């Protein structure tokens, strides 16, 4: 009595359940990643390296005294001309 690809343990000798478990985890992770991407996209969260983020960093450096006024103004002008 031959069953072809099936043996006493079932389809693929039981590996079908393992593969199915990994696929289920993959699809759950893909769904969660999609939801996170959509929420960030809809919320309009500024991306790293955006002009708003660069200006905030520039203002923080100026407030800490890392930049003097002429250098701050020069970098701010350069930032505005780049956008």
Protein backbone atom coordinates (compact mmCIF):
# COMPACT_ATOMS: atom_id res chain seq x y z
CA UNK A 1 0.00 0.00 0.00
CA UNK A 2 1.89 3.08 -1.21
CA UNK A 3 0.84 6.56 -0.30
CA UNK A 4 3.32 8.38 -2.54
CA UNK A 5 4.49 11.48 -0.77
CA UNK A 6 2.74 10.61 2.49
CA UNK A 7 4.15 8.32 5.12
CA UNK A 8 3.01 7.40 8.60
CA UNK A 9 3.65 10.91 9.96
CA UNK A 10 1.51 12.65 7.33
CA UNK A 11 2.37 15.20 4.69
CA UNK A 12 6.15 15.71 4.30
CA UNK A 13 6.84 13.63 7.39
CA UNK A 14 5.57 16.33 9.77
CA UNK A 15 7.60 19.17 8.26
CA UNK A 16 4.44 20.64 6.81
CA UNK A 17 3.38 21.81 10.29
CA UNK A 18 6.78 23.41 10.90
CA UNK A 19 6.74 25.18 7.54
CA UNK A 20 3.14 26.25 8.10
CA UNK A 21 4.07 27.73 11.49
CA UNK A 22 6.89 29.76 9.97
CA UNK A 23 4.61 30.98 7.20
CA UNK A 24 2.00 32.05 9.74
CA UNK A 25 4.63 34.04 11.68
CA UNK A 26 5.86 35.59 8.43
CA UNK A 27 2.39 36.79 7.46
CA UNK A 28 1.69 38.17 10.93
CA UNK A 29 4.99 40.09 10.87
CA UNK A 30 4.27 41.37 7.35
CA UNK A 31 0.82 42.58 8.45
CA UNK A 32 2.22 44.37 11.52
CA UNK A 33 4.93 46.02 9.39
CA UNK A 34 2.30 47.19 6.90
CA UNK A 35 0.16 48.69 9.67
CA UNK A 36 3.17 50.52 11.17
CA UNK A 37 4.14 51.86 7.74
CA UNK A 38 0.61 53.08 7.02
CA UNK A 39 0.26 54.78 10.42
CA UNK A 40 3.57 56.61 9.98
CA UNK A 41 2.71 57.59 6.42
CA UNK A 42 -0.74 58.89 7.33
CA UNK A 43 0.50 60.76 10.42
CA UNK A 44 3.00 62.66 8.29
CA UNK A 45 5.84 61.97 10.70
CA UNK A 46 8.97 63.71 9.39
CA UNK A 47 11.58 61.36 8.04
CA UNK A 48 15.10 61.30 9.34
CA UNK A 49 17.21 63.78 7.42
CA UNK A 50 14.27 66.02 6.56
CA UNK A 51 14.61 69.81 6.60
CA UNK A 52 12.47 70.11 9.75
CA UNK A 53 14.70 67.63 11.56
CA UNK A 54 17.85 69.39 10.33
CA UNK A 55 16.55 72.77 11.50
CA UNK A 56 15.72 71.35 14.93
CA UNK A 57 19.24 69.94 15.27
CA UNK A 58 20.72 73.26 14.15
CA UNK A 59 18.64 75.13 16.75
CA UNK A 60 19.71 72.72 19.49
CA UNK A 61 23.39 73.16 18.62
CA UNK A 62 22.96 76.95 18.63
CA UNK A 63 21.18 76.82 22.00
CA UNK A 64 24.00 74.72 23.49
CA UNK A 65 26.55 77.25 22.27
CA UNK A 66 28.22 74.92 19.76
CA UNK A 67 27.57 77.48 17.00
CA UNK A 68 28.02 81.24 17.12
CA UNK A 69 25.41 83.57 15.60
CA UNK A 70 27.05 84.14 12.18
CA UNK A 71 27.70 80.41 11.70
CA UNK A 72 24.12 79.58 12.76
CA UNK A 73 22.68 82.13 10.33
CA UNK A 74 24.92 80.89 7.51
CA UNK A 75 23.93 77.25 8.05
CA UNK A 76 20.25 78.20 8.37
CA UNK A 77 20.42 80.10 5.07
CA UNK A 78 22.16 77.14 3.42
CA UNK A 79 19.47 74.82 4.77
CA UNK A 80 16.67 76.99 3.39
CA UNK A 81 18.33 77.23 -0.02
CA UNK A 82 18.71 73.43 -0.16
CA UNK A 83 14.98 72.82 0.32
